[in-house]
Amino acid sequence: MAKYALLIGASEYESQKINNLSGVIKDIEAMQRVLLNSKIGGFDEVKFLSSPDSDTMRSEIEQLFMEKCQKDDVVLLYFSGHGYRHEDGNLFFISRNTQINPQGFPRIGTAVDAKFIHERYMSRSKSKRQVLILDCCFSGAFAEGMSAKEISTLSITNEIVEQLGGEGRAVLTSSTATQKSFEDSGGGVYTRYLIEGIETGAASDNDGFITVAALHEYAKRKVQEAKPAMKPEIFAVREGYTIRLAKAPVGNPQLEYRKEVEQRVRNGRVSVVGRKVLIRRQRELGLNSEVAAAIEEEVLKPFRELQESLLEYEQTLTEALGEEPILSDGTLGDLQRLQQILKLRDEDVEAIHNRLIPQQSISTSNTISSQPISTSDTKEPTPKEDDDLSSEKGIDYTKLRDLLAAGNWKDADYETYLVMLQTVGREKGDWIRSDELLNFPCTDLRTIDRLWVKYSNGRFGFSVQKEIYLSVGGKPDGNYDEEAWNKFGDRVGWRVDSSWISYSTVIFDTSAPKGHLPVCVFFVWRMAGVGRVVSRRVWRGGLFSRIETCKL
């Protein structure tokens, strides 16, 4: 088995209408370094293309997928540069010779069509282990490649299968299909944390390897700690999630301490109890204080970046209010643009607005100083009368909706347990049997999941948990896979140091790992099912099977 990689960095452009990207070369050099390292990436060949024209780019991609690889080889294509999403929804990579038409849009004949790459090269390649990493604007559109009309009529699962096809293929993207990516002075933010996860081993699953899924989850978490509005995504089918990209040290004291720090940090700080744990672990691992402090500093760096962005925003708003006590529409627009550049969500700046902008009535200039500064689609969801609360069994989901909208995660978790019991005709204190779960009404399951996903901004929900379960090798076939279940527990924070946590230690806030909630229905079954090992295993496997059947 061989491993081949092609790294494409488009940093310079012939058209003066396209901004150069100074950090791209740093991205490529760093990625090349870790992939070629025999103790880390172990790739046999890593080719680097710097600002190629469109013909060269297509030719090299064709050689990578069509000429060099065999069935069992790992093939990796990495692109860093500008991405353009055409009005038909297709993604195009901007190359050195891409031209801009009089309307200000790229001439797609001079760019590289991502759909063409997929259909002509990736789908026809002998390799069954393909990884594509895209650090560019609108990169999530690669997984669509359909018209807007087609996208709206397909579920996300069908959409991914239709576009990615085949086994063992994974696409990692720095942004969604409609979102611009972000570069700072050091290069792409998403790439920075991909490299950190590989080079330090922090993205490993403690088994000596770094899989595609584990690497993406690490980079995504770090990106959103620093730039909350960014939404990296992963699209994969079957074994694509489990492709091993690199090796990671096992039993390395610094890596063990780093992971301990990662688990102890909550919202950018370590609690008093967490600090005691870290002091103990530092001594046990034999690390001196300087090394431990350096590790902590690196782990906390994304949170510090976020605080710096918030401070810059607050200082700018303060200065603006000094000049304009009632902000003009133009200034509001400039502040919104600054918020976008700093990659801050509306909820991130809301407290600053509430503190600095006085509540005033509408003035004669039709400007209101307390109006929201941002109108982006990342605004915190609020309960709406038009929320779909459908139920096949006549269950009222209003209370669950209101608890989730208020961020009352613990009560919402318990309410989820209660409404699920009602759906199968059982009462509080009971639990759902395996056969009831396998026939649980899909309409009700979708309603519960939709509410959790919406009001957690995609952080919690059954469908989120299912994707994580698949990413660790689990299969939604109704069978209990102990290894996958344990890895799933580790990933969502239900297992710590190989031990399952109790309900009293569940984290009921958004600092919890992705997929941590809802949890009550799982824990009630665990407590009620003592001595019922076979049934309990069937139930665990059955939940994800039912979620898959219902197309969540």
Protein backbone atom coordinates (compact mmCIF):
# COMPACT_ATOMS: atom_id res chain seq x y z
CA MET A 1 0.00 0.00 0.00
CA ALA A 2 1.31 3.46 -0.93
CA LYS A 3 0.26 6.98 0.05
CA TYR A 4 0.25 9.84 -2.43
CA ALA A 5 -0.62 13.51 -1.95
CA LEU A 6 -0.99 16.49 -4.24
CA LEU A 7 -0.96 19.89 -2.53
CA ILE A 8 -2.17 22.85 -4.58
CA GLY A 9 -1.67 26.38 -3.32
CA ALA A 10 -3.20 29.18 -5.40
CA SER A 11 -1.72 32.31 -3.88
CA GLU A 12 -0.97 34.58 -6.86
CA TYR A 13 -3.21 35.55 -9.74
CA GLU A 14 -2.71 37.26 -13.10
CA SER A 15 -5.93 39.23 -12.77
CA GLN A 16 -5.57 42.32 -10.60
CA LYS A 17 -9.22 41.88 -9.63
CA ILE A 18 -8.39 38.78 -7.59
CA ASN A 19 -6.73 39.26 -4.21
CA ASN A 20 -3.47 37.39 -3.62
CA LEU A 21 -3.35 35.07 -0.60
CA SER A 22 -0.02 35.45 1.16
CA GLY A 23 -0.60 32.73 3.73
CA VAL A 24 -1.27 29.90 1.27
CA ILE A 25 2.40 29.00 0.78
CA LYS A 26 2.84 28.65 4.53
CA ASP A 27 -0.11 26.26 4.57
CA ILE A 28 1.35 24.12 1.81
CA GLU A 29 4.85 23.98 3.27
CA ALA A 30 3.54 22.98 6.69
CA MET A 31 1.22 20.33 5.27
CA GLN A 32 4.02 18.94 3.11
CA ARG A 33 6.33 18.76 6.13
CA VAL A 34 3.97 16.69 8.30
CA LEU A 35 2.85 14.36 5.50
CA LEU A 36 6.42 13.56 4.40
CA ASN A 37 7.62 12.95 7.97
CA SER A 38 8.10 9.18 8.16
CA LYS A 39 7.15 9.15 11.83
CA ILE A 40 3.92 11.09 11.26
CA GLY A 41 2.33 11.17 7.80
CA GLY A 42 4.53 8.56 6.17
CA PHE A 43 3.45 9.50 2.62
CA ASP A 44 5.51 8.06 -0.21
CA GLU A 45 5.12 11.15 -2.37
CA VAL A 46 3.87 14.67 -1.66
CA LYS A 47 3.84 16.92 -4.72
CA PHE A 48 3.51 20.69 -4.32
CA LEU A 49 1.99 22.95 -7.00
CA SER A 50 2.37 26.68 -6.40
CA SER A 51 -0.16 28.91 -8.18
CA PRO A 52 -0.64 26.66 -11.25
CA ASP A 53 -2.76 27.61 -14.25
CA SER A 54 -6.03 25.75 -14.79
CA ASP A 55 -4.66 23.29 -17.38
CA THR A 56 -1.74 22.31 -15.17
CA MET A 57 -4.03 21.89 -12.18
CA ARG A 58 -6.39 19.57 -14.06
CA SER A 59 -3.49 17.57 -15.52
CA GLU A 60 -1.81 16.98 -12.17
CA ILE A 61 -5.09 16.00 -10.52
CA GLU A 62 -5.74 13.53 -13.33
CA GLN A 63 -2.30 11.95 -12.83
CA LEU A 64 -2.86 11.67 -9.08
CA PHE A 65 -6.16 9.81 -9.33
CA MET A 66 -5.80 7.99 -12.66
CA GLU A 67 -2.14 7.04 -13.13
CA LYS A 68 -0.25 6.65 -9.85
CA CYS A 69 -2.58 4.85 -7.48
CA GLN A 70 -3.83 1.32 -7.03
CA LYS A 71 -6.87 -0.03 -5.18
CA ASP A 72 -5.38 -0.08 -1.66
CA ASP A 73 -3.47 3.20 -1.94
CA VAL A 74 -4.38 6.33 -0.02
CA VAL A 75 -4.74 9.39 -2.27
CA LEU A 76 -4.97 12.88 -0.81
CA LEU A 77 -5.73 16.11 -2.70
CA TYR A 78 -5.39 19.39 -0.82
CA PHE A 79 -6.40 22.77 -2.23
CA SER A 80 -5.86 26.15 -0.59
CA GLY A 81 -6.93 29.30 -2.40
CA HIS A 82 -10.01 31.10 -3.69
CA GLY A 83 -13.22 29.17 -4.32
CA TYR A 84 -16.16 30.42 -6.39
CA ARG A 85 -19.70 29.10 -6.27
CA HIS A 86 -21.54 29.55 -9.56
CA GLU A 87 -25.23 30.45 -9.62
CA ASP A 88 -26.02 26.82 -10.50
CA GLY A 89 -24.49 25.73 -7.19
CA ASN A 90 -21.28 24.21 -8.56
CA LEU A 91 -17.90 24.95 -6.99
CA PHE A 92 -14.92 26.18 -9.02
CA PHE A 93 -11.29 26.50 -7.92
CA ILE A 94 -9.70 29.79 -8.97
CA SER A 95 -6.35 29.28 -10.72
CA ARG A 96 -3.52 31.67 -11.59
CA ASN A 97 -4.93 32.38 -15.07
CA THR A 98 -8.61 32.69 -14.09
CA GLN A 99 -10.19 35.71 -15.77
CA ILE A 100 -12.91 38.01 -14.46
CA ASN A 101 -15.82 38.96 -16.76
CA PRO A 102 -17.31 42.48 -17.05
CA GLN A 103 -19.93 41.59 -14.44
CA GLY A 104 -17.15 40.92 -11.91
CA PHE A 105 -17.49 37.11 -11.82
CA PRO A 106 -14.86 34.49 -12.74
CA ARG A 107 -15.03 33.08 -16.24
CA ILE A 108 -15.63 29.45 -15.35
CA GLY A 109 -13.83 28.24 -18.47
CA THR A 110 -10.61 29.61 -16.97
CA ALA A 111 -11.23 28.04 -13.52
CA VAL A 112 -11.23 24.38 -12.46
CA ASP A 113 -14.64 22.73 -12.11
CA ALA A 114 -14.80 20.68 -8.89
CA LYS A 115 -17.67 18.60 -10.29
CA PHE A 116 -15.50 17.70 -13.29
CA ILE A 117 -12.75 16.52 -10.94
CA HIS A 118 -15.19 14.32 -9.09
CA GLU A 119 -16.90 12.80 -12.11
CA ARG A 120 -13.88 12.38 -14.40
CA TYR A 121 -11.10 11.51 -11.96
CA MET A 122 -12.18 10.61 -8.44
CA SER A 123 -15.11 8.41 -9.45
CA ARG A 124 -12.99 6.57 -12.03
CA SER A 125 -9.88 6.16 -9.88
CA LYS A 126 -8.66 2.73 -8.85
CA SER A 127 -8.04 3.99 -5.33
CA LYS A 128 -10.77 3.23 -2.82
CA ARG A 129 -9.22 5.47 -0.17
CA GLN A 130 -9.57 9.06 -1.29
CA VAL A 131 -9.32 12.19 0.83
CA LEU A 132 -9.99 15.72 -0.41
CA ILE A 133 -9.18 18.71 1.84
CA LEU A 134 -10.48 22.10 0.70
CA ASP A 135 -9.48 25.31 2.48
CA CYS A 136 -11.33 27.82 0.34
CA CYS A 137 -14.56 29.82 0.25
CA PHE A 138 -17.79 27.88 -0.40
CA SER A 139 -15.85 24.61 -0.17
CA GLY A 140 -18.89 22.75 1.18
CA ALA A 141 -20.41 23.12 -2.28
CA PHE A 142 -18.14 20.31 -3.51
CA ALA A 143 -20.46 17.83 -1.81
CA GLU A 144 -23.44 19.25 -3.59
CA GLY A 145 -22.61 19.75 -7.24
CA MET A 146 -26.33 20.01 -8.00
CA SER A 147 -28.68 22.81 -8.94
CA ALA A 148 -30.44 24.67 -6.15
CA LYS A 149 -33.70 22.98 -7.13
CA GLU A 150 -32.23 19.50 -6.79
CA ILE A 151 -30.61 20.30 -3.46
CA SER A 152 -33.87 21.43 -1.94
CA THR A 153 -35.63 18.18 -2.80
CA LEU A 154 -33.05 15.78 -1.38
CA SER A 155 -32.15 14.84 2.17
CA ILE A 156 -28.56 15.56 3.19
CA THR A 157 -27.81 11.83 3.37
CA ASN A 158 -28.97 11.22 -0.20
CA GLU A 159 -27.20 14.37 -1.29
CA ILE A 160 -23.85 13.20 0.01
CA VAL A 161 -24.23 9.69 -1.38
CA GLU A 162 -25.24 11.07 -4.76
CA GLN A 163 -22.28 13.42 -4.97
CA LEU A 164 -19.52 11.40 -3.32
CA GLY A 165 -20.43 7.85 -4.34
CA GLY A 166 -18.02 4.94 -3.75
CA GLU A 167 -16.45 3.58 -0.63
CA GLY A 168 -13.63 5.15 1.31
CA ARG A 169 -14.03 8.74 0.15
CA ALA A 170 -13.94 11.74 2.49
CA VAL A 171 -14.16 15.47 1.79
CA LEU A 172 -13.06 17.92 4.49
CA THR A 173 -14.07 21.54 3.97
CA SER A 174 -13.17 24.74 5.82
CA SER A 175 -16.59 26.27 5.15
CA THR A 176 -20.16 25.46 4.18
CA ALA A 177 -21.52 25.65 0.67
CA THR A 178 -22.65 29.24 1.21
CA GLN A 179 -19.91 30.54 3.49
CA LYS A 180 -16.69 32.37 2.87
CA SER A 181 -13.59 30.88 4.47
CA PHE A 182 -10.99 32.87 6.38
CA GLU A 183 -7.29 33.43 6.15
CA ASP A 184 -5.12 35.24 8.68
CA SER A 185 -1.48 36.32 8.46
CA GLY A 186 -0.35 32.78 9.16
CA GLY A 187 -2.49 31.07 6.53
CA GLY A 188 -5.87 29.33 6.55
CA VAL A 189 -7.32 28.93 10.05
CA TYR A 190 -8.74 25.48 9.28
CA THR A 191 -5.44 24.25 7.83
CA ARG A 192 -3.53 25.58 10.84
CA TYR A 193 -5.44 23.29 13.16
CA LEU A 194 -5.37 20.32 10.79
CA ILE A 195 -1.59 20.54 10.88
CA GLU A 196 -1.54 21.03 14.64
CA GLY A 197 -3.75 17.97 15.14
CA ILE A 198 -1.42 15.84 13.00
CA GLU A 199 1.93 17.20 14.16
CA THR A 200 1.19 17.09 17.90
CA GLY A 201 -0.87 13.90 17.73
CA ALA A 202 -3.70 15.70 19.55
CA ALA A 203 -6.23 14.53 16.94
CA SER A 204 -5.54 10.84 17.59
CA ASP A 205 -8.03 8.38 19.06
CA ASN A 206 -5.39 7.09 21.52
CA ASP A 207 -4.74 4.09 19.29
CA GLY A 208 -1.62 5.39 17.57
CA PHE A 209 -3.43 6.63 14.45
CA ILE A 210 -5.16 9.77 13.24
CA THR A 211 -8.26 9.12 11.17
CA VAL A 212 -9.98 11.53 8.81
CA ALA A 213 -12.93 11.95 11.17
CA ALA A 214 -10.84 12.49 14.29
CA LEU A 215 -8.67 15.04 12.50
CA HIS A 216 -11.64 17.01 11.21
CA GLU A 217 -13.39 17.02 14.58
CA TYR A 218 -10.25 18.33 16.26
CA ALA A 219 -9.68 21.08 13.67
CA LYS A 220 -13.35 22.07 13.63
CA ARG A 221 -13.48 22.41 17.41
CA LYS A 222 -10.32 24.53 17.51
CA VAL A 223 -11.51 26.70 14.59
CA GLN A 224 -14.81 27.44 16.27
CA GLU A 225 -13.09 28.27 19.54
CA ALA A 226 -11.14 30.99 17.72
CA LYS A 227 -13.57 31.97 14.94
CA PRO A 228 -17.08 30.89 16.07
CA ALA A 229 -18.84 31.83 12.82
CA MET A 230 -16.75 29.40 10.75
CA LYS A 231 -18.41 26.05 10.13
CA PRO A 232 -16.01 23.40 8.76
CA GLU A 233 -17.76 20.31 7.46
CA ILE A 234 -17.00 16.71 6.59
CA PHE A 235 -18.68 14.53 3.95
CA ALA A 236 -17.87 10.86 3.72
CA VAL A 237 -19.29 7.47 2.85
CA ARG A 238 -18.66 4.18 4.63
CA GLU A 239 -14.96 3.72 5.42
CA GLY A 240 -14.16 7.29 4.36
CA TYR A 241 -14.44 8.44 7.96
CA THR A 242 -11.93 5.86 9.12
CA ILE A 243 -9.12 6.39 6.60
CA ARG A 244 -5.90 6.70 8.54
CA LEU A 245 -3.92 9.75 7.50
CA ALA A 246 -1.09 9.72 10.01
CA LYS A 247 0.53 8.07 13.00
CA ALA A 248 0.42 9.47 16.52
CA PRO A 249 2.68 8.74 19.48
CA VAL A 250 1.34 6.33 22.08
CA GLY A 251 2.23 6.90 25.71
CA ASN A 252 3.90 10.25 25.04
CA PRO A 253 3.75 12.28 28.29
CA GLN A 254 3.34 15.62 26.53
CA LEU A 255 0.51 14.34 24.35
CA GLU A 256 -1.22 12.78 27.36
CA TYR A 257 -0.96 16.05 29.26
CA ARG A 258 -2.24 18.01 26.28
CA LYS A 259 -5.34 15.85 26.05
CA GLU A 260 -5.86 16.24 29.79
CA VAL A 261 -5.75 20.02 29.36
CA GLU A 262 -8.19 19.84 26.43
CA GLN A 263 -10.69 18.00 28.65
CA ARG A 264 -10.29 20.40 31.58
CA VAL A 265 -10.78 23.64 29.64
CA ARG A 266 -14.30 25.06 29.78
CA ASN A 267 -15.08 28.28 27.91
CA GLY A 268 -11.43 29.28 27.86
CA ARG A 269 -10.64 28.62 31.50
CA VAL A 270 -9.71 25.82 33.87
CA SER A 271 -11.81 25.43 37.02
CA VAL A 272 -10.34 25.11 40.50
CA VAL A 273 -10.94 21.35 40.46
CA GLY A 274 -9.59 21.09 36.93
CA ARG A 275 -6.41 22.86 38.01
CA LYS A 276 -5.89 20.31 40.80
CA VAL A 277 -6.26 17.52 38.24
CA LEU A 278 -3.70 19.12 35.93
CA ILE A 279 -1.18 19.62 38.74
CA ARG A 280 -1.51 15.95 39.65
CA ARG A 281 -1.18 14.78 36.06
CA GLN A 282 1.84 17.00 35.48
CA ARG A 283 3.63 15.32 38.39
CA GLU A 284 2.58 11.81 37.35
CA LEU A 285 3.82 12.37 33.79
CA GLY A 286 7.10 13.87 34.96
CA LEU A 287 6.71 17.17 33.09
CA ASN A 288 8.45 20.30 34.28
CA SER A 289 6.40 23.47 34.77
CA GLU A 290 7.78 25.20 31.66
CA VAL A 291 6.71 22.37 29.33
CA ALA A 292 3.28 22.11 31.00
CA ALA A 293 2.76 25.88 30.73
CA ALA A 294 3.70 25.86 27.04
CA ILE A 295 1.17 23.08 26.34
CA GLU A 296 -1.57 24.94 28.19
CA GLU A 297 -0.76 28.13 26.30
CA GLU A 298 -1.14 26.34 22.96
CA VAL A 299 -4.44 24.74 23.98
CA LEU A 300 -5.82 28.08 25.17
CA LYS A 301 -4.62 30.01 22.11
CA PRO A 302 -7.95 29.80 20.20
CA PHE A 303 -9.83 31.19 23.19
CA ARG A 304 -7.33 34.04 23.45
CA GLU A 305 -7.82 34.80 19.76
CA LEU A 306 -11.56 34.98 20.32
CA GLN A 307 -11.11 37.37 23.24
CA GLU A 308 -8.83 39.56 21.10
CA SER A 309 -11.48 39.67 18.36
CA LEU A 310 -14.19 40.58 20.87
CA LEU A 311 -11.97 43.29 22.35
CA GLU A 312 -11.26 44.75 18.90
CA TYR A 313 -14.98 44.79 18.13
CA GLU A 314 -15.84 46.41 21.47
CA GLN A 315 -13.17 49.10 21.11
CA THR A 316 -14.34 49.89 17.58
CA LEU A 317 -17.98 50.14 18.67
CA THR A 318 -16.99 52.41 21.58
CA GLU A 319 -15.12 54.75 19.24
CA ALA A 320 -18.04 54.76 16.80
CA LEU A 321 -20.50 55.68 19.54
CA GLY A 322 -18.18 58.51 20.57
CA GLU A 323 -18.60 60.01 17.11
CA GLU A 324 -22.22 58.97 16.54
CA PRO A 325 -24.36 58.48 19.69
CA ILE A 326 -27.04 57.21 17.32
CA LEU A 327 -25.31 55.03 14.75
CA SER A 328 -26.01 55.73 11.09
CA ASP A 329 -26.97 53.00 8.64
CA GLY A 330 -23.53 53.29 7.04
CA THR A 331 -21.74 52.78 10.35
CA LEU A 332 -24.02 49.84 11.19
CA GLY A 333 -23.09 48.28 7.86
CA ASP A 334 -19.38 48.81 8.54
CA LEU A 335 -19.73 47.20 11.98
CA GLN A 336 -21.50 44.24 10.44
CA ARG A 337 -18.65 43.84 7.97
CA LEU A 338 -16.11 44.01 10.81
CA GLN A 339 -18.05 41.32 12.64
CA GLN A 340 -17.90 39.11 9.55
CA ILE A 341 -14.15 39.63 9.14
CA LEU A 342 -13.57 38.79 12.80
CA LYS A 343 -15.75 35.69 12.29
CA LEU A 344 -18.01 36.52 15.24
CA ARG A 345 -21.60 35.36 15.49
CA ASP A 346 -24.47 37.61 16.54
CA GLU A 347 -24.60 35.91 19.93
CA ASP A 348 -20.89 36.61 20.43
CA VAL A 349 -21.37 40.38 20.16
CA GLU A 350 -24.83 40.60 21.74
CA ALA A 351 -23.48 41.22 25.25
CA ILE A 352 -21.28 44.05 23.92
CA HIS A 353 -24.31 45.66 22.25
CA ASN A 354 -26.41 45.37 25.39
CA ARG A 355 -23.66 46.95 27.48
CA LEU A 356 -22.68 49.82 25.16
CA ILE A 357 -25.76 50.73 23.14
CA PRO A 358 -28.46 52.52 25.17
CA GLN A 359 -32.10 51.68 24.51
CA GLN A 360 -33.60 54.61 22.59
CA SER A 361 -36.75 55.19 20.67
CA ILE A 362 -36.83 55.66 16.90
CA SER A 363 -35.48 59.07 15.93
CA THR A 364 -36.54 61.37 13.11
CA SER A 365 -33.71 60.00 11.02
CA ASN A 366 -35.38 56.58 11.19
CA THR A 367 -32.29 55.15 12.92
CA ILE A 368 -32.44 53.26 16.18
CA SER A 369 -29.30 52.86 18.27
CA SER A 370 -30.43 49.64 19.91
CA GLN A 371 -31.19 47.82 16.67
CA PRO A 372 -29.27 44.61 15.94
CA ILE A 373 -25.99 45.36 14.18
CA SER A 374 -25.82 42.10 12.26
CA THR A 375 -28.42 40.57 10.00
CA SER A 376 -26.45 37.43 9.19
CA ASP A 377 -28.05 34.00 9.27
CA THR A 378 -26.11 32.96 12.36
CA LYS A 379 -28.52 34.78 14.71
CA GLU A 380 -29.52 32.81 17.78
CA PRO A 381 -32.72 30.89 17.00
CA THR A 382 -35.86 31.97 18.85
CA PRO A 383 -39.04 29.95 19.30
CA LYS A 384 -41.45 30.45 16.41
CA GLU A 385 -45.07 29.57 15.97
CA ASP A 386 -44.24 28.01 12.62
CA ASP A 387 -41.79 25.49 14.10
CA ASP A 388 -42.80 22.06 12.83
CA LEU A 389 -44.02 20.19 15.93
CA SER A 390 -45.60 17.29 14.04
CA SER A 391 -46.47 14.08 15.88
CA GLU A 392 -48.03 10.81 14.76
CA LYS A 393 -49.24 10.21 18.32
CA GLY A 394 -50.61 13.65 19.18
CA ILE A 395 -47.68 14.59 21.43
CA ASP A 396 -47.31 18.29 22.31
CA TYR A 397 -43.71 19.38 21.74
CA THR A 398 -44.22 23.03 22.71
CA LYS A 399 -42.57 22.66 26.12
CA LEU A 400 -39.54 20.90 24.62
CA ARG A 401 -39.23 23.64 21.99
CA ASP A 402 -39.42 26.42 24.60
CA LEU A 403 -36.87 24.76 26.93
CA LEU A 404 -34.40 24.32 24.07
CA ALA A 405 -34.91 27.87 22.83
CA ALA A 406 -34.16 29.14 26.35
CA GLY A 407 -30.96 27.07 26.51
CA ASN A 408 -32.32 25.07 29.45
CA TRP A 409 -30.50 21.94 28.33
CA LYS A 410 -31.00 19.82 31.46
CA ASP A 411 -34.78 20.24 31.62
CA ALA A 412 -34.98 19.82 27.84
CA ASP A 413 -33.06 16.58 28.16
CA TYR A 414 -35.54 15.26 30.72
CA GLU A 415 -38.50 16.49 28.66
CA THR A 416 -37.10 14.53 25.70
CA TYR A 417 -37.20 11.38 27.82
CA LEU A 418 -40.81 12.11 28.87
CA VAL A 419 -42.17 12.80 25.38
CA MET A 420 -40.44 9.71 23.98
CA LEU A 421 -42.11 7.62 26.69
CA GLN A 422 -45.48 9.18 25.86
CA THR A 423 -44.97 8.38 22.20
CA VAL A 424 -44.72 4.64 22.92
CA GLY A 425 -47.51 4.73 25.55
CA ARG A 426 -45.37 4.53 28.69
CA GLU A 427 -45.17 6.70 31.80
CA LYS A 428 -42.46 8.48 33.78
CA GLY A 429 -40.05 6.08 35.49
CA ASP A 430 -40.35 3.46 32.76
CA TRP A 431 -38.09 2.91 29.75
CA ILE A 432 -38.51 2.18 26.06
CA ARG A 433 -38.21 -1.46 25.01
CA SER A 434 -36.11 -2.53 22.05
CA ASP A 435 -39.06 -3.48 19.85
CA GLU A 436 -40.74 -0.15 20.63
CA LEU A 437 -37.59 1.68 19.65
CA LEU A 438 -37.30 -0.14 16.33
CA ASN A 439 -40.85 0.99 15.52
CA PHE A 440 -40.63 4.48 17.03
CA PRO A 441 -42.65 6.93 14.86
CA CYS A 442 -40.32 8.64 12.40
CA THR A 443 -42.34 11.86 12.44
CA ASP A 444 -41.85 12.23 16.20
CA LEU A 445 -38.18 11.28 16.04
CA ARG A 446 -37.60 13.93 13.34
CA THR A 447 -39.46 16.57 15.35
CA ILE A 448 -37.38 15.93 18.48
CA ASP A 449 -34.13 15.87 16.52
CA ARG A 450 -34.99 18.96 14.46
CA LEU A 451 -35.64 21.00 17.63
CA TRP A 452 -32.39 19.89 19.28
CA VAL A 453 -30.32 20.61 16.18
CA LYS A 454 -31.94 24.00 15.52
CA TYR A 455 -31.68 25.46 19.01
CA SER A 456 -28.16 24.14 19.66
CA ASN A 457 -26.95 25.52 16.31
CA GLY A 458 -26.11 22.00 15.12
CA ARG A 459 -24.22 20.95 18.26
CA PHE A 460 -26.70 18.48 19.79
CA GLY A 461 -29.32 16.04 18.52
CA PHE A 462 -29.84 12.40 17.54
CA SER A 463 -28.72 13.00 13.95
CA VAL A 464 -25.54 14.66 15.21
CA GLN A 465 -24.89 11.63 17.44
CA LYS A 466 -25.51 9.26 14.55
CA GLU A 467 -22.92 10.99 12.37
CA ILE A 468 -20.35 10.75 15.17
CA TYR A 469 -21.19 7.07 15.65
CA LEU A 470 -20.61 6.46 11.93
CA SER A 471 -17.36 8.44 12.06
CA VAL A 472 -15.87 6.02 14.60
CA GLY A 473 -16.70 2.97 12.50
CA GLY A 474 -20.19 2.20 13.79
CA LYS A 475 -22.82 0.86 11.40
CA PRO A 476 -26.56 1.62 11.72
CA ASP A 477 -27.53 -2.01 11.15
CA GLY A 478 -29.22 -2.67 14.49
CA ASN A 479 -26.28 -4.66 15.87
CA TYR A 480 -24.34 -3.65 18.98
CA ASP A 481 -20.69 -2.88 18.21
CA GLU A 482 -18.89 -2.54 21.54
CA GLU A 483 -15.71 -1.03 20.09
CA ALA A 484 -17.62 1.60 18.10
CA TRP A 485 -19.91 2.32 21.05
CA ASN A 486 -16.95 2.89 23.35
CA LYS A 487 -15.27 5.19 20.82
CA PHE A 488 -18.55 7.03 20.44
CA GLY A 489 -18.74 7.45 24.22
CA ASP A 490 -15.20 8.84 24.26
CA ARG A 491 -15.97 11.28 21.43
CA VAL A 492 -19.17 12.74 22.92
CA GLY A 493 -17.80 12.85 26.47
CA TRP A 494 -19.85 10.03 27.97
CA ARG A 495 -16.69 8.07 28.75
CA VAL A 496 -13.69 9.54 30.53
CA ASP A 497 -10.50 7.50 30.99
CA SER A 498 -12.33 4.39 29.71
CA SER A 499 -15.09 4.74 32.35
CA TRP A 500 -18.69 5.71 31.63
CA ILE A 501 -19.74 8.86 33.45
CA SER A 502 -22.83 9.10 35.66
CA TYR A 503 -25.82 11.28 34.87
CA SER A 504 -24.77 13.67 37.63
CA THR A 505 -21.60 14.56 35.70
CA VAL A 506 -23.28 15.26 32.35
CA ILE A 507 -22.41 18.75 31.04
CA PHE A 508 -25.59 20.72 30.41
CA ASP A 509 -24.20 23.66 28.46
CA THR A 510 -22.72 24.37 25.03
CA SER A 511 -19.17 23.83 26.30
CA ALA A 512 -19.94 20.10 26.19
CA PRO A 513 -18.45 18.03 23.35
CA LYS A 514 -20.46 17.89 20.16
CA GLY A 515 -23.17 15.21 20.41
CA HIS A 516 -23.08 15.21 24.24
CA LEU A 517 -26.86 15.81 24.40
CA PRO A 518 -29.55 14.54 24.54
CA VAL A 519 -28.45 11.89 27.01
CA CYS A 520 -31.28 11.15 29.46
CA VAL A 521 -32.93 8.44 27.38
CA PHE A 522 -29.57 6.57 27.18
CA PHE A 523 -28.83 6.84 30.88
CA VAL A 524 -32.31 5.81 32.01
CA TRP A 525 -31.91 2.66 29.92
CA ARG A 526 -28.48 1.98 31.44
CA MET A 527 -29.84 2.32 34.97
CA ALA A 528 -33.02 0.39 34.30
CA GLY A 529 -31.28 -2.26 32.25
CA VAL A 530 -28.86 -3.59 34.86
CA GLY A 531 -28.70 -7.33 34.37
CA ARG A 532 -30.30 -7.06 30.93
CA VAL A 533 -27.06 -7.11 28.94
CA VAL A 534 -28.43 -8.62 25.75
CA SER A 535 -31.44 -6.30 25.58
CA ARG A 536 -29.32 -3.29 26.43
CA ARG A 537 -26.95 -4.05 23.57
CA VAL A 538 -29.84 -4.51 21.15
CA TRP A 539 -31.28 -1.16 22.30
CA ARG A 540 -28.00 0.68 21.75
CA GLY A 541 -27.61 -0.68 18.26
CA GLY A 542 -31.30 -0.20 17.52
CA LEU A 543 -31.36 3.54 18.22
CA PHE A 544 -28.94 4.40 15.43
CA SER A 545 -30.65 1.89 13.17
CA ARG A 546 -33.99 3.65 13.69
CA ILE A 547 -32.39 7.07 13.16
CA GLU A 548 -30.95 5.81 9.86
CA THR A 549 -34.29 4.29 8.80
CA CYS A 550 -36.09 7.56 9.51
CA LYS A 551 -33.48 9.45 7.43
CA LEU A 552 -32.37 11.81 10.19
